[in-house]
Amino acid sequence: MTPTATATEVSEVKSLIESRWASPKGEQHSIVNPANGEIVAMLNYATASDVDRSARAAHKAFLSWREVPVVDRVQPLYRFKTLLEKHADEIATLLTTENGKVFPDALAEVKRAIQMVEVACGMPSLMMGDSLNDVARGIDCRTIRQPIGVCAGITPFNFPAMVPLWMYPFAIATGNTFLLKPSEKVPLSPTRMAELFIEAGIPEGVFQLVHGGREVVEAFIAHPLIKAISFVGSSPIAKLVYKEGAAQGKRVQALGGAKNHLVVMPDADLPKTVDAILSSSFGAAGERCLAGSVLVPVGDVAEPLLNLLIERANALRFGDGLEPGMNVGPVIGADHRKKIISYIEKGEAEGAILLCDGRTNLAHTNPAGSFLGPTIFDHVKPTMTIAREEIFGPVLSVIRANSLDEAIDLVNSSDFGNTTTIYTQSGKSAREYQSRIEVGMVGVNMAVSAPMAFFPFAGWKNSFFGDIHAHGKDAVWFYTEQKVLMSRWF
């Protein structure tokens, strides 16, 4: 399927404050299409005052929304799901325009977002508590889950359609109200989805959209009426949001960055493994927190694996994601491209061997775009910068290992623990790897081990700060308080 329209006019992106579409009075910023450098929209940042008004309106709405029966609370979500399905191509086109990922990836993201809404529609079952009669003579006990109040979400540029829906459908279905601050780099798709949510009939004040930058984040953390914050972004910011939010007595889940390892055993199916590596490492221009960024070939599989991988990487087509047949789009912007190139230069300076250089072979791309091709380093040492730090781009570092034990020790030495995958035909090797590895999401022969909406996104170590993860049953637990009720009747 290919898109049918592109953004051709510069428009103003508005915030939804006190259930009214408004233009905040903060700084104005341009939204740029990273494929061609063109300005596609203008965005005015909200201020702390806007956050205060939104939080107060959300709290007022919460006092009545929490009393609405859960079977009625999910009805707007059913309608929202239908509207998202109807407008999926439109949203994916906006997403590609502002983010750069190729259209099929964008459409797949929208479908994952819809799945989140679908799961949240099951809240009448998901919120059920437990009960036991006669816990003592004549005494019964049960648990119930109740909403916590105004919740806020801060989401990243790489999944502007999906990640917000990790949050607000679950929060709202459990009886809370919600303030969303999407990444200021990609406001178009979350704003269009907010318009559809309003069209679906969500009551005034229950959902609000507050565009902005650091001032909005700090206001979320400081505001006394905001009881919970969900964050997805880089690890340093995730750690800061968690620390400051917890200090304010808020419930916080803060998902950070990653350095994900792909371990290839000698018995792996090489053609299928290379397909998976290409998708994991270079899909979405490597701008995924689940992207494979360290390749660990074990034993003598290294040479045949790398030969095939380089051949296939050089054959990838990269360009404007709205053009059919493209495999890789641009990175998010010129500044980020410069940052990735600085990592490539650092890898060369520290002695890694550059097998595939994404800075070259850009002749067929728009020079005004932020393009960078697949880059592969070999003979990388675990102490090198490119092996340790999150690059968030199409750069793959190869660290060779002599055994599965050595590979496991390498992965476990990382400060991050988001995801990892092993490629093997051995059930014994796979089981041992899954058991011993210190990572939250583990794949076997997978490209991207992204859990479905009904399972949690379970990062470990510096990839996650908090106690309860995103979506699945964890989302129900995060956005509710559990109350234990005991009764005896005379």
Protein backbone atom coordinates (compact mmCIF):
# COMPACT_ATOMS: atom_id res chain seq x y z
CA MET A 1 0.00 0.00 0.00
CA THR A 2 1.29 3.49 -0.81
CA PRO A 3 0.22 6.86 0.53
CA THR A 4 -2.26 8.93 -1.40
CA ALA A 5 -1.39 12.38 -0.10
CA THR A 6 1.48 14.43 1.27
CA ALA A 7 1.65 17.48 3.48
CA THR A 8 2.04 20.42 1.07
CA GLU A 9 1.01 23.43 3.14
CA VAL A 10 2.61 24.93 6.22
CA SER A 11 -0.01 24.77 8.95
CA GLU A 12 -0.15 25.69 12.61
CA VAL A 13 -0.21 22.84 15.11
CA LYS A 14 -2.43 23.69 18.06
CA SER A 15 -2.63 22.38 21.61
CA LEU A 16 -5.80 21.10 23.25
CA ILE A 17 -6.01 23.05 26.52
CA GLU A 18 -9.12 23.04 28.71
CA SER A 19 -10.73 21.07 25.87
CA ARG A 20 -10.26 23.96 23.44
CA TRP A 21 -7.87 24.07 20.49
CA ALA A 22 -5.51 26.95 21.19
CA SER A 23 -2.23 28.55 20.14
CA PRO A 24 -0.03 28.89 23.24
CA LYS A 25 2.11 31.99 23.64
CA GLY A 26 5.45 30.24 24.08
CA GLU A 27 8.32 29.95 21.60
CA GLN A 28 7.47 29.16 18.00
CA HIS A 29 9.28 26.32 16.24
CA SER A 30 9.19 24.93 12.73
CA ILE A 31 8.45 21.28 11.94
CA VAL A 32 10.74 20.05 9.18
CA ASN A 33 10.34 17.09 6.83
CA PRO A 34 13.69 15.30 7.30
CA ALA A 35 13.53 13.84 3.78
CA ASN A 36 13.75 17.22 2.02
CA GLY A 37 14.34 19.90 4.65
CA GLU A 38 11.03 21.63 3.94
CA ILE A 39 9.02 23.27 6.71
CA VAL A 40 5.65 21.51 6.92
CA ALA A 41 4.16 23.13 10.04
CA MET A 42 4.70 25.65 12.81
CA LEU A 43 4.34 24.85 16.50
CA ASN A 44 3.89 27.25 19.42
CA TYR A 45 5.18 25.87 22.72
CA ALA A 46 2.91 25.81 25.73
CA THR A 47 4.01 27.36 29.01
CA ALA A 48 3.79 26.39 32.67
CA SER A 49 0.63 28.47 32.86
CA ASP A 50 -0.92 26.34 30.10
CA VAL A 51 0.01 23.21 32.04
CA ASP A 52 -1.61 24.60 35.17
CA ARG A 53 -4.86 25.35 33.37
CA SER A 54 -4.85 21.93 31.75
CA ALA A 55 -4.13 20.12 35.01
CA ARG A 56 -6.91 21.97 36.81
CA ALA A 57 -9.37 21.19 34.04
CA ALA A 58 -8.25 17.55 34.04
CA HIS A 59 -8.69 17.30 37.82
CA LYS A 60 -12.19 18.74 37.59
CA ALA A 61 -13.05 16.22 34.88
CA PHE A 62 -11.52 13.38 36.91
CA LEU A 63 -13.94 13.92 39.79
CA SER A 64 -16.83 12.92 37.55
CA TRP A 65 -15.01 10.61 35.09
CA ARG A 66 -13.92 8.22 37.86
CA GLU A 67 -17.61 7.69 38.72
CA VAL A 68 -18.51 6.62 35.18
CA PRO A 69 -18.93 2.81 35.01
CA VAL A 70 -16.00 1.14 33.31
CA VAL A 71 -18.25 -0.37 30.64
CA ASP A 72 -19.24 3.18 29.68
CA ARG A 73 -15.70 4.57 29.92
CA VAL A 74 -14.50 2.25 27.16
CA GLN A 75 -17.22 3.22 24.68
CA PRO A 76 -15.30 6.25 23.31
CA LEU A 77 -12.29 3.96 22.91
CA TYR A 78 -14.28 1.59 20.71
CA ARG A 79 -15.25 4.53 18.51
CA PHE A 80 -11.66 5.84 18.59
CA LYS A 81 -10.38 2.47 17.36
CA THR A 82 -12.81 2.57 14.43
CA LEU A 83 -11.73 6.10 13.49
CA LEU A 84 -8.04 5.18 13.70
CA GLU A 85 -8.62 2.26 11.36
CA LYS A 86 -10.50 4.51 8.94
CA HIS A 87 -7.74 7.14 8.94
CA ALA A 88 -4.71 4.82 9.22
CA ASP A 89 -3.20 5.79 5.84
CA GLU A 90 -3.65 9.49 6.58
CA ILE A 91 -1.93 9.20 9.97
CA ALA A 92 0.89 7.11 8.51
CA THR A 93 1.47 9.72 5.81
CA LEU A 94 1.73 12.46 8.43
CA LEU A 95 4.05 10.26 10.45
CA THR A 96 6.40 9.67 7.51
CA THR A 97 6.34 13.37 6.65
CA GLU A 98 7.45 14.48 10.12
CA ASN A 99 9.57 11.51 11.22
CA GLY A 100 11.05 10.16 7.98
CA LYS A 101 10.43 6.44 8.40
CA VAL A 102 9.24 4.66 5.28
CA PHE A 103 5.49 4.47 4.77
CA PRO A 104 5.09 0.70 5.39
CA ASP A 105 6.90 1.13 8.74
CA ALA A 106 4.68 4.09 9.57
CA LEU A 107 1.53 2.14 8.74
CA ALA A 108 2.73 -0.80 10.85
CA GLU A 109 3.25 1.62 13.73
CA VAL A 110 -0.29 2.95 13.40
CA LYS A 111 -1.61 -0.62 13.48
CA ARG A 112 0.36 -1.28 16.68
CA ALA A 113 -1.16 1.88 18.14
CA ILE A 114 -4.64 0.64 17.28
CA GLN A 115 -3.87 -2.62 19.04
CA MET A 116 -3.21 -0.65 22.25
CA VAL A 117 -6.68 0.87 22.07
CA GLU A 118 -8.16 -2.54 21.38
CA VAL A 119 -6.60 -4.00 24.53
CA ALA A 120 -7.66 -1.00 26.64
CA CYS A 121 -11.24 -1.64 25.51
CA GLY A 122 -11.06 -4.81 27.62
CA MET A 123 -10.75 -2.79 30.82
CA PRO A 124 -13.93 -4.24 32.39
CA SER A 125 -12.05 -7.54 32.59
CA LEU A 126 -8.55 -6.12 33.13
CA MET A 127 -9.57 -4.09 36.21
CA MET A 128 -11.16 -6.99 38.02
CA GLY A 129 -9.95 -7.56 41.57
CA ASP A 130 -9.73 -10.70 43.70
CA SER A 131 -11.98 -11.98 46.45
CA LEU A 132 -12.02 -14.68 49.07
CA ASN A 133 -14.78 -15.46 51.51
CA ASP A 134 -14.05 -16.64 55.07
CA VAL A 135 -10.46 -15.47 55.29
CA ALA A 136 -11.27 -15.77 58.98
CA ARG A 137 -14.48 -16.85 60.67
CA GLY A 138 -17.26 -14.66 59.27
CA ILE A 139 -14.83 -12.33 57.50
CA ASP A 140 -14.64 -11.83 53.72
CA CYS A 141 -11.89 -10.03 51.80
CA ARG A 142 -11.67 -8.57 48.32
CA THR A 143 -9.52 -6.19 46.33
CA ILE A 144 -10.57 -3.47 43.92
CA ARG A 145 -8.61 -1.11 41.66
CA GLN A 146 -9.35 2.59 41.61
CA PRO A 147 -7.94 5.41 39.41
CA ILE A 148 -5.29 7.72 40.84
CA GLY A 149 -6.16 11.08 39.25
CA VAL A 150 -4.55 13.29 36.63
CA CYS A 151 -1.82 11.48 34.69
CA ALA A 152 0.70 12.87 32.21
CA GLY A 153 2.69 11.39 29.33
CA ILE A 154 5.90 12.54 27.65
CA THR A 155 6.65 10.72 24.40
CA PRO A 156 9.58 10.54 21.93
CA PHE A 157 10.05 11.41 18.26
CA ASN A 158 10.66 7.90 16.97
CA PHE A 159 7.14 6.48 17.50
CA PRO A 160 4.79 9.48 17.61
CA ALA A 161 1.67 7.42 16.85
CA MET A 162 2.27 4.29 18.91
CA VAL A 163 3.96 5.37 22.15
CA PRO A 164 1.30 7.90 23.24
CA LEU A 165 -1.20 5.06 22.94
CA TRP A 166 0.88 2.98 25.33
CA MET A 167 -0.38 5.51 27.84
CA TYR A 168 -3.62 7.43 27.52
CA PRO A 169 -6.06 4.69 26.43
CA PHE A 170 -5.11 2.63 29.50
CA ALA A 171 -5.07 5.62 31.85
CA ILE A 172 -8.44 6.90 30.66
CA ALA A 173 -10.13 3.49 30.58
CA THR A 174 -9.11 2.92 34.20
CA GLY A 175 -10.85 6.18 35.18
CA ASN A 176 -8.04 8.74 35.11
CA THR A 177 -7.69 11.91 33.07
CA PHE A 178 -4.62 12.55 30.92
CA LEU A 179 -2.26 15.27 29.67
CA LEU A 180 -0.04 14.35 26.71
CA LYS A 181 3.16 16.13 25.65
CA PRO A 182 4.41 14.55 22.43
CA SER A 183 7.89 15.21 21.10
CA GLU A 184 8.05 18.74 19.77
CA LYS A 185 9.78 17.34 16.67
CA VAL A 186 6.78 15.27 15.55
CA PRO A 187 3.48 16.88 16.61
CA LEU A 188 1.44 16.22 13.47
CA SER A 189 0.40 12.58 13.91
CA PRO A 190 -0.36 12.75 17.66
CA THR A 191 -2.41 15.90 17.06
CA ARG A 192 -4.43 14.26 14.30
CA MET A 193 -5.06 11.28 16.58
CA ALA A 194 -6.17 13.67 19.33
CA GLU A 195 -8.68 15.19 16.91
CA LEU A 196 -10.07 11.72 16.24
CA PHE A 197 -10.25 11.01 19.97
CA ILE A 198 -12.35 14.15 20.43
CA GLU A 199 -14.52 13.07 17.50
CA ALA A 200 -14.98 9.71 19.23
CA GLY A 201 -16.74 11.51 22.06
CA ILE A 202 -14.25 11.63 24.93
CA PRO A 203 -15.74 14.06 27.50
CA GLU A 204 -14.30 17.52 28.07
CA GLY A 205 -11.21 17.65 30.25
CA VAL A 206 -10.55 13.92 30.20
CA PHE A 207 -7.83 14.21 27.53
CA GLN A 208 -5.67 17.22 26.75
CA LEU A 209 -2.71 17.79 24.42
CA VAL A 210 0.02 20.17 25.60
CA HIS A 211 2.76 20.75 23.04
CA GLY A 212 6.05 22.15 24.24
CA GLY A 213 9.57 21.56 25.45
CA ARG A 214 11.44 21.47 28.72
CA GLU A 215 9.17 23.99 30.45
CA VAL A 216 6.17 21.69 29.97
CA VAL A 217 8.07 18.66 31.30
CA GLU A 218 9.20 20.56 34.38
CA ALA A 219 5.67 21.82 34.94
CA PHE A 220 4.32 18.27 34.74
CA ILE A 221 6.80 17.16 37.39
CA ALA A 222 6.10 20.08 39.72
CA HIS A 223 2.31 20.30 39.45
CA PRO A 224 0.58 18.98 42.60
CA LEU A 225 -2.53 17.79 40.75
CA ILE A 226 -0.56 15.48 38.43
CA LYS A 227 -0.25 12.15 40.23
CA ALA A 228 1.57 9.97 37.68
CA ILE A 229 4.01 10.51 34.82
CA SER A 230 4.84 8.14 31.96
CA PHE A 231 7.99 8.94 29.99
CA VAL A 232 9.78 7.42 26.99
CA GLY A 233 13.07 8.88 25.76
CA SER A 234 16.81 8.85 26.38
CA SER A 235 18.20 7.27 29.56
CA PRO A 236 19.68 10.47 31.06
CA ILE A 237 16.34 12.26 30.76
CA ALA A 238 14.41 9.18 31.90
CA LYS A 239 16.55 8.98 35.03
CA LEU A 240 16.03 12.69 35.72
CA VAL A 241 12.24 12.49 35.24
CA TYR A 242 12.09 9.47 37.53
CA LYS A 243 14.23 11.11 40.21
CA GLU A 244 12.43 14.46 40.18
CA GLY A 245 8.96 12.96 39.81
CA ALA A 246 9.48 10.51 42.67
CA ALA A 247 10.80 13.34 44.84
CA GLN A 248 7.44 15.08 44.27
CA GLY A 249 5.64 11.94 45.43
CA LYS A 250 4.44 10.99 41.96
CA ARG A 251 4.20 7.54 40.47
CA VAL A 252 6.69 7.39 37.57
CA GLN A 253 7.52 4.95 34.79
CA ALA A 254 10.46 6.20 32.72
CA LEU A 255 11.62 4.17 29.74
CA GLY A 256 15.13 5.01 28.56
CA GLY A 257 17.63 4.09 25.88
CA ALA A 258 19.35 0.87 24.92
CA LYS A 259 22.34 -0.91 23.46
CA ASN A 260 20.81 -4.08 22.08
CA HIS A 261 22.90 -7.13 21.17
CA LEU A 262 22.20 -9.63 18.38
CA VAL A 263 23.99 -12.93 19.02
CA VAL A 264 24.48 -15.23 16.02
CA MET A 265 25.41 -18.86 16.66
CA PRO A 266 27.28 -21.04 14.08
CA ASP A 267 24.11 -23.07 13.40
CA ALA A 268 21.95 -20.04 12.54
CA ASP A 269 20.02 -19.92 9.27
CA LEU A 270 22.15 -17.19 7.69
CA PRO A 271 19.80 -15.83 4.99
CA LYS A 272 16.90 -15.49 7.43
CA THR A 273 19.23 -14.18 10.13
CA VAL A 274 20.59 -11.48 7.82
CA ASP A 275 17.01 -10.46 6.92
CA ALA A 276 16.29 -10.04 10.63
CA ILE A 277 19.51 -8.11 11.31
CA LEU A 278 18.85 -5.68 8.46
CA SER A 279 15.36 -5.00 9.78
CA SER A 280 16.52 -4.68 13.37
CA SER A 281 19.59 -2.51 12.82
CA PHE A 282 18.62 -0.34 9.86
CA GLY A 283 14.82 -0.30 9.84
CA ALA A 284 13.43 3.11 10.85
CA ALA A 285 17.01 4.38 10.27
CA GLY A 286 18.07 2.65 13.48
CA GLU A 287 15.96 5.06 15.52
CA ARG A 288 14.27 2.43 17.67
CA CYS A 289 14.95 1.68 21.31
CA LEU A 290 14.69 -1.98 20.23
CA ALA A 291 17.09 -1.64 17.31
CA GLY A 292 20.00 -4.09 17.21
CA SER A 293 23.16 -2.02 17.51
CA VAL A 294 25.78 -4.63 18.49
CA LEU A 295 26.20 -7.80 16.42
CA VAL A 296 27.92 -10.70 18.19
CA PRO A 297 28.89 -13.54 15.81
CA VAL A 298 30.02 -16.61 17.72
CA GLY A 299 32.95 -18.69 16.42
CA ASP A 300 33.50 -19.24 12.71
CA VAL A 301 30.11 -17.86 11.63
CA ALA A 302 31.56 -14.33 11.53
CA GLU A 303 33.02 -14.30 8.00
CA PRO A 304 30.09 -15.81 6.05
CA LEU A 305 27.65 -13.76 8.12
CA LEU A 306 29.41 -10.46 7.48
CA ASN A 307 29.94 -11.17 3.79
CA LEU A 308 26.22 -11.71 3.27
CA LEU A 309 25.26 -8.83 5.58
CA ILE A 310 27.44 -6.29 3.74
CA GLU A 311 26.14 -7.45 0.36
CA ARG A 312 22.55 -7.06 1.50
CA ALA A 313 23.15 -3.75 3.33
CA ASN A 314 24.68 -2.23 0.21
CA ALA A 315 21.58 -3.22 -1.74
CA LEU A 316 19.17 -1.36 0.55
CA ARG A 317 17.36 1.59 -1.01
CA PHE A 318 17.15 4.69 1.10
CA GLY A 319 15.29 7.88 0.32
CA ASP A 320 12.02 9.71 0.96
CA GLY A 321 9.77 7.34 2.91
CA LEU A 322 6.74 8.41 0.87
CA GLU A 323 8.32 7.06 -2.31
CA PRO A 324 7.49 3.39 -3.01
CA GLY A 325 10.19 0.75 -2.69
CA MET A 326 12.36 2.52 -0.11
CA ASN A 327 13.90 0.44 2.68
CA VAL A 328 15.35 3.20 4.86
CA GLY A 329 14.31 6.82 5.30
CA PRO A 330 16.24 9.77 6.75
CA VAL A 331 17.12 10.22 10.40
CA ILE A 332 15.04 12.75 12.32
CA GLY A 333 17.05 15.86 11.43
CA ALA A 334 20.34 17.48 10.49
CA ASP A 335 21.55 17.87 14.07
CA HIS A 336 20.95 14.21 14.83
CA ARG A 337 22.70 13.22 11.61
CA LYS A 338 25.76 15.21 12.70
CA LYS A 339 25.69 13.46 16.07
CA ILE A 340 25.60 10.01 14.43
CA ILE A 341 28.48 10.99 12.11
CA SER A 342 30.51 12.04 15.15
CA TYR A 343 30.07 8.50 16.52
CA ILE A 344 31.24 7.04 13.18
CA GLU A 345 34.32 9.25 13.34
CA LYS A 346 34.94 8.19 16.93
CA GLY A 347 34.69 4.53 15.94
CA GLU A 348 37.35 5.05 13.29
CA ALA A 349 39.57 6.98 15.69
CA GLU A 350 39.34 4.23 18.32
CA GLY A 351 40.46 1.56 15.83
CA ALA A 352 37.28 -0.19 14.67
CA ILE A 353 37.31 -1.40 11.06
CA LEU A 354 34.70 0.30 8.87
CA LEU A 355 33.17 -2.29 6.52
CA CYS A 356 30.19 -0.26 5.30
CA ASP A 357 30.19 3.55 5.41
CA GLY A 358 26.78 5.21 5.48
CA ARG A 359 28.29 8.64 4.83
CA THR A 360 28.92 7.66 1.23
CA ASN A 361 26.62 6.39 -1.53
CA LEU A 362 24.11 9.21 -0.96
CA ALA A 363 23.96 10.31 -4.59
CA HIS A 364 20.30 9.37 -5.08
CA THR A 365 19.01 11.13 -1.96
CA ASN A 366 17.87 14.72 -1.56
CA PRO A 367 20.91 16.75 -0.40
CA ALA A 368 18.59 18.86 1.76
CA GLY A 369 17.45 15.73 3.60
CA SER A 370 19.00 14.12 6.69
CA PHE A 371 20.08 10.85 5.09
CA LEU A 372 22.64 8.41 6.39
CA GLY A 373 23.10 4.91 5.00
CA PRO A 374 23.77 1.65 6.85
CA THR A 375 27.14 1.69 8.63
CA ILE A 376 28.90 -1.46 9.87
CA PHE A 377 32.04 -1.62 12.03
CA ASP A 378 34.01 -4.85 12.56
CA HIS A 379 36.54 -5.80 15.26
CA VAL A 380 34.91 -3.49 17.76
CA LYS A 381 36.16 -3.80 21.34
CA PRO A 382 33.65 -3.77 24.22
CA THR A 383 35.37 -0.70 25.69
CA MET A 384 34.93 1.42 22.56
CA THR A 385 32.44 4.27 22.59
CA ILE A 386 30.41 2.85 19.71
CA ALA A 387 30.02 -0.41 21.66
CA ARG A 388 28.84 1.23 24.89
CA GLU A 389 26.79 4.32 24.08
CA GLU A 390 23.41 4.54 22.41
CA ILE A 391 23.89 6.03 18.92
CA PHE A 392 20.25 5.88 17.80
CA GLY A 393 21.03 5.61 14.12
CA PRO A 394 21.84 3.06 11.39
CA VAL A 395 25.21 2.06 12.90
CA LEU A 396 26.03 -1.58 13.73
CA SER A 397 29.09 -2.57 15.77
CA VAL A 398 30.43 -6.12 15.40
CA ILE A 399 32.08 -7.71 18.46
CA ARG A 400 33.26 -11.26 17.82
CA ALA A 401 32.90 -13.93 20.51
CA ASN A 402 34.44 -17.40 20.77
CA SER A 403 31.58 -19.08 22.65
CA LEU A 404 28.02 -18.64 23.87
CA ASP A 405 29.34 -18.10 27.40
CA GLU A 406 31.52 -15.25 26.17
CA ALA A 407 28.60 -13.72 24.29
CA ILE A 408 26.36 -13.90 27.37
CA ASP A 409 29.03 -12.26 29.54
CA LEU A 410 29.38 -9.49 26.94
CA VAL A 411 25.64 -8.77 26.84
CA ASN A 412 25.33 -8.88 30.61
CA SER A 413 28.18 -6.37 31.01
CA SER A 414 26.12 -3.65 29.31
CA ASP A 415 24.59 -0.86 31.37
CA PHE A 416 21.41 -1.26 29.34
CA GLY A 417 18.89 -4.09 29.32
CA ASN A 418 16.11 -3.40 26.85
CA THR A 419 16.16 -6.28 24.37
CA THR A 420 18.41 -8.90 22.81
CA THR A 421 18.04 -11.69 20.27
CA ILE A 422 19.86 -14.96 19.68
CA TYR A 423 19.88 -16.59 16.23
CA THR A 424 20.22 -20.36 16.43
CA GLN A 425 18.58 -23.66 15.51
CA SER A 426 19.53 -25.15 18.89
CA GLY A 427 16.81 -25.25 21.51
CA LYS A 428 19.48 -25.84 24.16
CA SER A 429 21.39 -22.69 23.22
CA ALA A 430 18.21 -20.64 23.03
CA ARG A 431 16.96 -21.84 26.39
CA GLU A 432 20.29 -21.20 28.08
CA TYR A 433 20.46 -17.73 26.57
CA GLN A 434 16.93 -16.82 27.62
CA SER A 435 17.60 -18.06 31.14
CA ARG A 436 20.96 -16.43 31.81
CA ILE A 437 20.69 -13.12 29.97
CA GLU A 438 20.06 -10.00 32.07
CA VAL A 439 17.73 -8.22 29.67
CA GLY A 440 14.01 -7.51 29.90
CA MET A 441 12.91 -8.66 26.42
CA VAL A 442 14.60 -11.64 24.77
CA GLY A 443 14.01 -12.90 21.24
CA VAL A 444 14.93 -16.12 19.46
CA ASN A 445 15.35 -15.71 15.69
CA MET A 446 13.36 -12.47 15.85
CA ALA A 447 13.98 -9.22 13.98
CA VAL A 448 12.52 -6.84 16.56
CA SER A 449 11.29 -8.39 19.80
CA ALA A 450 8.56 -5.81 20.41
CA PRO A 451 5.88 -7.21 22.73
CA MET A 452 2.26 -7.04 21.70
CA ALA A 453 -0.09 -4.68 23.52
CA PHE A 454 -1.24 -7.34 25.98
CA PHE A 455 2.33 -8.01 27.23
CA PRO A 456 4.54 -5.44 29.04
CA PHE A 457 7.42 -3.50 27.51
CA ALA A 458 9.88 -4.83 30.05
CA GLY A 459 13.23 -3.01 29.91
CA TRP A 460 15.81 -3.56 32.66
CA LYS A 461 18.86 -1.73 34.07
CA ASN A 462 19.38 1.79 32.65
CA SER A 463 16.73 1.14 30.03
CA PHE A 464 13.98 1.58 32.61
CA PHE A 465 13.44 3.56 35.80
CA GLY A 466 10.47 2.64 37.94
CA ASP A 467 8.65 -0.43 39.18
CA ILE A 468 5.80 -1.04 36.74
CA HIS A 469 6.28 -1.26 32.97
CA ALA A 470 4.24 0.06 30.06
CA HIS A 471 1.11 -1.47 28.47
CA GLY A 472 -0.36 -4.92 29.04
CA LYS A 473 -1.50 -5.69 32.58
CA ASP A 474 1.31 -3.50 33.88
CA ALA A 475 -0.50 -0.44 32.52
CA VAL A 476 -3.59 -1.33 34.55
CA TRP A 477 -1.45 -1.65 37.69
CA PHE A 478 0.42 1.60 37.00
CA TYR A 479 -2.67 3.73 36.47
CA THR A 480 -4.62 2.35 39.46
CA GLU A 481 -4.29 1.98 43.21
CA GLN A 482 -5.26 -1.32 44.79
CA LYS A 483 -7.61 -1.19 47.74
CA VAL A 484 -8.23 -4.14 50.09
CA LEU A 485 -11.76 -4.39 51.52
CA MET A 486 -12.57 -6.59 54.52
CA SER A 487 -16.04 -7.07 55.92
CA ARG A 488 -17.83 -8.88 58.73
CA TRP A 489 -21.59 -8.79 59.27
CA PHE A 490 -23.23 -9.36 62.64
